[in-house]
Amino acid sequence: QVRLVESGGGLVQTGGSLRLSCVASGRTVSTYAMGWFRQAPGKEREFVATIGWIPGNTYYADSVKGRFTISRDNIANTVYLQMNSLKPEDTAVYYCATSNFLTTAPSGFGSWGQGTQVTVSS
């Protein structure tokens, strides 16, 4: 069983940056695809970014492309989400998750973290 713990969220002004981290424990995640999702109040959970176990294999939601960067450190068993040029519409709880294959669908991910709140003020 993989346990995922996100951190790095907080309150930031429009145009600011945050770096989210997701540390995995219980087993190595080096052979899993890792993803970031977010959920705003009253909305469904939506895909943000995912990274495969092959370096450079990344996909992003159109809404964050060019602003967010997903990366991973398999030695540290950690996945990151660098978020730049943040907008108020990025406000949400951000979750990381693991998948056995590269996908953007939440249903394809098995283990989930508890989430970290990101709030972008206008």
N, C-alpha and C. Protein backbone atom coordinates (compact mmCIF):
# COMPACT_ATOMS: atom_id res chain seq x y z
N GLN A 1 0.84 -1.19 0.00
CA GLN A 1 0.00 0.00 0.00
C GLN A 1 0.88 1.25 0.00
N VAL A 2 0.62 2.13 -0.93
CA VAL A 2 1.37 3.38 -1.04
C VAL A 2 0.64 4.47 -0.25
N ARG A 3 1.40 5.20 0.55
CA ARG A 3 0.83 6.36 1.24
C ARG A 3 1.44 7.61 0.63
N LEU A 4 0.58 8.57 0.29
CA LEU A 4 1.01 9.80 -0.37
C LEU A 4 0.68 10.99 0.52
N VAL A 5 1.64 11.89 0.70
CA VAL A 5 1.43 13.08 1.52
C VAL A 5 1.86 14.30 0.73
N GLU A 6 0.89 15.19 0.46
CA GLU A 6 1.17 16.42 -0.27
C GLU A 6 1.53 17.54 0.70
N SER A 7 2.30 18.48 0.22
CA SER A 7 2.64 19.68 0.98
C SER A 7 2.99 20.80 0.01
N GLY A 8 3.11 22.00 0.56
CA GLY A 8 3.53 23.13 -0.26
C GLY A 8 2.43 24.09 -0.65
N GLY A 9 1.20 23.75 -0.32
CA GLY A 9 0.11 24.66 -0.64
C GLY A 9 0.14 25.90 0.24
N GLY A 10 -0.72 26.85 -0.08
CA GLY A 10 -0.78 28.07 0.71
C GLY A 10 -1.53 29.14 -0.01
N LEU A 11 -1.40 30.36 0.50
CA LEU A 11 -2.06 31.54 -0.07
C LEU A 11 -1.02 32.34 -0.84
N VAL A 12 -1.35 32.68 -2.08
CA VAL A 12 -0.42 33.43 -2.92
C VAL A 12 -1.22 34.42 -3.75
N GLN A 13 -0.60 35.52 -4.14
CA GLN A 13 -1.27 36.50 -4.98
C GLN A 13 -1.23 36.08 -6.45
N THR A 14 -2.13 36.64 -7.22
CA THR A 14 -2.13 36.40 -8.66
C THR A 14 -0.76 36.71 -9.24
N GLY A 15 -0.30 35.77 -10.07
CA GLY A 15 1.02 35.92 -10.68
C GLY A 15 2.13 35.28 -9.88
N GLY A 16 1.83 34.83 -8.69
CA GLY A 16 2.84 34.21 -7.84
C GLY A 16 3.10 32.76 -8.19
N SER A 17 3.97 32.14 -7.39
CA SER A 17 4.37 30.76 -7.64
C SER A 17 4.29 29.94 -6.36
N LEU A 18 4.06 28.66 -6.54
CA LEU A 18 4.13 27.68 -5.46
C LEU A 18 4.71 26.40 -6.01
N ARG A 19 5.35 25.64 -5.14
CA ARG A 19 5.85 24.32 -5.52
C ARG A 19 5.25 23.29 -4.58
N LEU A 20 4.46 22.42 -5.14
CA LEU A 20 3.86 21.35 -4.37
C LEU A 20 4.76 20.12 -4.40
N SER A 21 4.78 19.40 -3.29
CA SER A 21 5.52 18.15 -3.20
C SER A 21 4.57 17.04 -2.78
N CYS A 22 4.87 15.85 -3.24
CA CYS A 22 4.09 14.67 -2.85
C CYS A 22 5.10 13.56 -2.56
N VAL A 23 5.18 13.21 -1.28
CA VAL A 23 6.13 12.18 -0.86
C VAL A 23 5.39 10.87 -0.68
N ALA A 24 5.94 9.83 -1.28
CA ALA A 24 5.34 8.50 -1.19
C ALA A 24 6.10 7.65 -0.18
N SER A 25 5.36 6.84 0.53
CA SER A 25 5.98 5.90 1.46
C SER A 25 5.24 4.57 1.38
N GLY A 26 5.86 3.55 1.88
CA GLY A 26 5.24 2.23 1.85
C GLY A 26 5.79 1.34 0.75
N ARG A 27 6.07 1.94 -0.38
CA ARG A 27 6.72 1.24 -1.47
C ARG A 27 7.23 2.26 -2.46
N THR A 28 8.17 1.85 -3.29
CA THR A 28 8.70 2.77 -4.29
C THR A 28 7.64 3.05 -5.36
N VAL A 29 7.65 4.28 -5.84
CA VAL A 29 6.70 4.64 -6.89
C VAL A 29 7.41 4.84 -8.22
N SER A 30 8.66 4.37 -8.30
CA SER A 30 9.47 4.61 -9.51
C SER A 30 8.88 3.95 -10.74
N THR A 31 8.05 2.92 -10.56
CA THR A 31 7.46 2.24 -11.72
C THR A 31 6.01 2.64 -11.93
N TYR A 32 5.54 3.64 -11.20
CA TYR A 32 4.18 4.13 -11.36
C TYR A 32 4.19 5.44 -12.14
N ALA A 33 3.12 5.68 -12.85
CA ALA A 33 2.86 7.03 -13.33
C ALA A 33 2.31 7.81 -12.13
N MET A 34 2.62 9.08 -12.07
CA MET A 34 2.15 9.94 -10.98
C MET A 34 1.37 11.10 -11.57
N GLY A 35 0.33 11.50 -10.87
CA GLY A 35 -0.49 12.58 -11.38
C GLY A 35 -0.86 13.58 -10.31
N TRP A 36 -1.19 14.77 -10.76
CA TRP A 36 -1.75 15.82 -9.92
C TRP A 36 -3.15 16.14 -10.43
N PHE A 37 -4.07 16.25 -9.49
CA PHE A 37 -5.44 16.64 -9.78
C PHE A 37 -5.81 17.77 -8.84
N ARG A 38 -6.91 18.44 -9.13
CA ARG A 38 -7.38 19.48 -8.23
C ARG A 38 -8.90 19.48 -8.20
N GLN A 39 -9.42 19.99 -7.09
CA GLN A 39 -10.86 20.07 -6.92
C GLN A 39 -11.22 21.37 -6.22
N ALA A 40 -11.97 22.19 -6.91
CA ALA A 40 -12.46 23.45 -6.36
C ALA A 40 -13.83 23.20 -5.73
N PRO A 41 -14.25 24.06 -4.79
CA PRO A 41 -15.55 23.88 -4.15
C PRO A 41 -16.69 23.82 -5.16
N GLY A 42 -17.52 22.81 -5.05
CA GLY A 42 -18.67 22.67 -5.93
C GLY A 42 -18.36 22.14 -7.31
N LYS A 43 -17.10 21.76 -7.54
CA LYS A 43 -16.71 21.26 -8.85
C LYS A 43 -16.16 19.85 -8.74
N GLU A 44 -16.12 19.16 -9.87
CA GLU A 44 -15.56 17.81 -9.90
C GLU A 44 -14.03 17.88 -9.88
N ARG A 45 -13.44 16.79 -9.44
CA ARG A 45 -11.99 16.69 -9.47
C ARG A 45 -11.53 16.69 -10.92
N GLU A 46 -10.51 17.48 -11.22
CA GLU A 46 -10.04 17.58 -12.60
C GLU A 46 -8.54 17.31 -12.70
N PHE A 47 -8.18 16.79 -13.85
CA PHE A 47 -6.79 16.47 -14.14
C PHE A 47 -5.97 17.74 -14.28
N VAL A 48 -4.75 17.71 -13.75
CA VAL A 48 -3.83 18.84 -13.88
C VAL A 48 -2.60 18.43 -14.70
N ALA A 49 -1.91 17.39 -14.25
CA ALA A 49 -0.68 16.96 -14.92
C ALA A 49 -0.36 15.53 -14.52
N THR A 50 0.37 14.85 -15.40
CA THR A 50 0.82 13.51 -15.08
C THR A 50 2.19 13.27 -15.66
N ILE A 51 2.94 12.39 -15.04
CA ILE A 51 4.29 12.06 -15.49
C ILE A 51 4.47 10.55 -15.43
N GLY A 52 5.00 10.00 -16.49
CA GLY A 52 5.24 8.57 -16.54
C GLY A 52 6.56 8.20 -15.89
N TRP A 53 6.86 6.91 -15.89
CA TRP A 53 8.13 6.47 -15.31
C TRP A 53 9.28 6.69 -16.29
N ILE A 54 8.95 6.99 -17.54
CA ILE A 54 9.97 7.32 -18.52
C ILE A 54 10.22 8.83 -18.47
N PRO A 55 11.44 9.26 -18.28
CA PRO A 55 11.72 10.70 -18.20
C PRO A 55 11.20 11.46 -19.41
N GLY A 56 10.57 12.59 -19.17
CA GLY A 56 10.07 13.42 -20.26
C GLY A 56 8.68 13.09 -20.70
N ASN A 57 8.12 12.01 -20.19
CA ASN A 57 6.76 11.62 -20.58
C ASN A 57 5.77 12.33 -19.67
N THR A 58 5.36 13.52 -20.08
CA THR A 58 4.46 14.34 -19.27
C THR A 58 3.29 14.84 -20.09
N TYR A 59 2.17 15.05 -19.41
CA TYR A 59 0.98 15.60 -20.05
C TYR A 59 0.36 16.62 -19.10
N TYR A 60 -0.25 17.65 -19.68
CA TYR A 60 -0.83 18.73 -18.89
C TYR A 60 -2.23 19.06 -19.39
N ALA A 61 -3.05 19.52 -18.46
CA ALA A 61 -4.33 20.10 -18.85
C ALA A 61 -4.06 21.39 -19.61
N ASP A 62 -4.89 21.70 -20.58
CA ASP A 62 -4.70 22.91 -21.37
C ASP A 62 -4.68 24.15 -20.49
N SER A 63 -5.43 24.13 -19.40
CA SER A 63 -5.54 25.30 -18.54
C SER A 63 -4.26 25.63 -17.78
N VAL A 64 -3.34 24.67 -17.69
CA VAL A 64 -2.11 24.91 -16.93
C VAL A 64 -0.86 24.80 -17.81
N LYS A 65 -1.04 24.41 -19.06
CA LYS A 65 0.10 24.22 -19.95
C LYS A 65 0.89 25.51 -20.08
N GLY A 66 2.21 25.41 -19.94
CA GLY A 66 3.07 26.58 -20.02
C GLY A 66 3.27 27.30 -18.71
N ARG A 67 2.45 26.95 -17.70
CA ARG A 67 2.58 27.60 -16.39
C ARG A 67 3.01 26.60 -15.31
N PHE A 68 2.56 25.36 -15.43
CA PHE A 68 2.87 24.34 -14.42
C PHE A 68 3.87 23.34 -15.01
N THR A 69 4.71 22.80 -14.14
CA THR A 69 5.67 21.77 -14.54
C THR A 69 5.66 20.64 -13.52
N ILE A 70 5.44 19.44 -14.01
CA ILE A 70 5.49 18.26 -13.14
C ILE A 70 6.84 17.60 -13.30
N SER A 71 7.38 17.12 -12.19
CA SER A 71 8.66 16.42 -12.23
C SER A 71 8.67 15.38 -11.11
N ARG A 72 9.67 14.50 -11.16
CA ARG A 72 9.74 13.46 -10.14
C ARG A 72 11.18 13.17 -9.79
N ASP A 73 11.36 12.72 -8.55
CA ASP A 73 12.66 12.29 -8.06
C ASP A 73 12.45 10.88 -7.52
N ASN A 74 12.80 9.89 -8.30
CA ASN A 74 12.52 8.51 -7.89
C ASN A 74 13.36 8.08 -6.70
N ILE A 75 14.53 8.68 -6.54
CA ILE A 75 15.35 8.33 -5.37
C ILE A 75 14.66 8.82 -4.10
N ALA A 76 14.09 10.02 -4.16
CA ALA A 76 13.39 10.59 -3.02
C ALA A 76 11.93 10.13 -2.93
N ASN A 77 11.50 9.34 -3.94
CA ASN A 77 10.12 8.86 -3.96
C ASN A 77 9.13 10.01 -3.89
N THR A 78 9.43 11.06 -4.66
CA THR A 78 8.67 12.31 -4.58
C THR A 78 8.32 12.82 -5.97
N VAL A 79 7.13 13.39 -6.09
CA VAL A 79 6.74 14.07 -7.32
C VAL A 79 6.43 15.52 -6.96
N TYR A 80 6.74 16.41 -7.87
CA TYR A 80 6.59 17.84 -7.64
C TYR A 80 5.65 18.47 -8.67
N LEU A 81 5.08 19.58 -8.30
CA LEU A 81 4.32 20.40 -9.24
C LEU A 81 4.72 21.85 -9.02
N GLN A 82 5.51 22.37 -9.94
CA GLN A 82 5.90 23.78 -9.91
C GLN A 82 4.81 24.58 -10.60
N MET A 83 4.24 25.52 -9.88
CA MET A 83 3.14 26.31 -10.40
C MET A 83 3.55 27.77 -10.47
N ASN A 84 3.60 28.31 -11.68
CA ASN A 84 3.97 29.71 -11.90
C ASN A 84 2.79 30.46 -12.50
N SER A 85 2.87 31.78 -12.43
CA SER A 85 1.83 32.64 -13.01
C SER A 85 0.44 32.21 -12.55
N LEU A 86 0.31 32.03 -11.26
CA LEU A 86 -0.94 31.52 -10.71
C LEU A 86 -2.09 32.50 -10.90
N LYS A 87 -3.27 31.95 -11.10
CA LYS A 87 -4.49 32.73 -11.31
C LYS A 87 -5.52 32.35 -10.24
N PRO A 88 -6.47 33.23 -10.00
CA PRO A 88 -7.52 32.89 -9.02
C PRO A 88 -8.24 31.59 -9.36
N GLU A 89 -8.39 31.29 -10.63
CA GLU A 89 -9.09 30.06 -11.03
C GLU A 89 -8.27 28.81 -10.75
N ASP A 90 -7.03 28.96 -10.32
CA ASP A 90 -6.22 27.81 -9.90
C ASP A 90 -6.51 27.42 -8.46
N THR A 91 -7.31 28.21 -7.76
CA THR A 91 -7.65 27.92 -6.37
C THR A 91 -8.39 26.60 -6.27
N ALA A 92 -7.86 25.70 -5.45
CA ALA A 92 -8.45 24.36 -5.30
C ALA A 92 -7.63 23.58 -4.28
N VAL A 93 -8.15 22.42 -3.92
CA VAL A 93 -7.35 21.44 -3.20
C VAL A 93 -6.65 20.57 -4.24
N TYR A 94 -5.35 20.44 -4.09
CA TYR A 94 -4.54 19.70 -5.04
C TYR A 94 -4.17 18.34 -4.45
N TYR A 95 -4.38 17.31 -5.26
CA TYR A 95 -4.12 15.94 -4.85
C TYR A 95 -3.09 15.28 -5.77
N CYS A 96 -2.24 14.44 -5.20
CA CYS A 96 -1.40 13.60 -6.04
C CYS A 96 -1.92 12.17 -5.97
N ALA A 97 -1.57 11.38 -6.98
CA ALA A 97 -2.07 10.03 -7.07
C ALA A 97 -1.13 9.17 -7.91
N THR A 98 -1.26 7.86 -7.75
CA THR A 98 -0.44 6.93 -8.52
C THR A 98 -1.31 6.12 -9.47
N SER A 99 -0.70 5.73 -10.59
CA SER A 99 -1.41 4.90 -11.56
C SER A 99 -0.44 3.87 -12.13
N ASN A 100 -1.00 2.73 -12.51
CA ASN A 100 -0.18 1.68 -13.13
C ASN A 100 0.11 1.97 -14.60
N PHE A 101 -0.55 2.96 -15.16
CA PHE A 101 -0.33 3.29 -16.56
C PHE A 101 -0.54 4.79 -16.73
N LEU A 102 -0.07 5.32 -17.84
CA LEU A 102 -0.15 6.75 -18.09
C LEU A 102 -1.56 7.12 -18.56
N THR A 103 -2.24 7.89 -17.76
CA THR A 103 -3.61 8.28 -18.06
C THR A 103 -3.90 9.64 -17.46
N THR A 104 -4.96 10.27 -17.95
CA THR A 104 -5.39 11.54 -17.36
C THR A 104 -6.72 11.40 -16.63
N ALA A 105 -7.28 10.21 -16.62
CA ALA A 105 -8.58 9.98 -15.99
C ALA A 105 -8.42 9.67 -14.51
N PRO A 106 -9.17 10.36 -13.65
CA PRO A 106 -9.07 10.07 -12.21
C PRO A 106 -9.33 8.60 -11.88
N SER A 107 -10.20 7.96 -12.65
CA SER A 107 -10.53 6.56 -12.39
C SER A 107 -9.35 5.63 -12.62
N GLY A 108 -8.34 6.11 -13.31
CA GLY A 108 -7.17 5.29 -13.57
C GLY A 108 -6.13 5.31 -12.47
N PHE A 109 -6.39 6.14 -11.45
CA PHE A 109 -5.44 6.29 -10.37
C PHE A 109 -5.93 5.57 -9.13
N GLY A 110 -5.01 4.87 -8.45
CA GLY A 110 -5.41 4.04 -7.32
C GLY A 110 -5.21 4.70 -5.97
N SER A 111 -3.99 5.04 -5.63
CA SER A 111 -3.69 5.64 -4.33
C SER A 111 -3.72 7.16 -4.45
N TRP A 112 -4.33 7.80 -3.44
CA TRP A 112 -4.47 9.25 -3.43
C TRP A 112 -3.97 9.81 -2.11
N GLY A 113 -3.43 11.03 -2.17
CA GLY A 113 -3.08 11.73 -0.96
C GLY A 113 -4.28 12.46 -0.38
N GLN A 114 -4.04 13.16 0.72
CA GLN A 114 -5.14 13.84 1.41
C GLN A 114 -5.39 15.25 0.85
N GLY A 115 -4.47 15.74 0.05
CA GLY A 115 -4.64 17.03 -0.59
C GLY A 115 -3.98 18.17 0.15
N THR A 116 -3.68 19.23 -0.60
CA THR A 116 -3.13 20.46 -0.02
C THR A 116 -3.84 21.64 -0.67
N GLN A 117 -4.22 22.61 0.14
CA GLN A 117 -5.01 23.74 -0.34
C GLN A 117 -4.13 24.79 -0.99
N VAL A 118 -4.53 25.21 -2.17
CA VAL A 118 -3.89 26.32 -2.87
C VAL A 118 -4.94 27.41 -3.06
N THR A 119 -4.64 28.60 -2.58
CA THR A 119 -5.55 29.73 -2.72
C THR A 119 -4.81 30.88 -3.38
N VAL A 120 -5.36 31.36 -4.49
CA VAL A 120 -4.75 32.46 -5.23
C VAL A 120 -5.67 33.66 -5.12
N SER A 121 -5.17 34.72 -4.52
CA SER A 121 -5.98 35.91 -4.32
C SER A 121 -5.81 36.86 -5.51
N SER A 122 -6.89 37.59 -5.80
CA SER A 122 -6.85 38.51 -6.94
C SER A 122 -6.39 39.89 -6.52
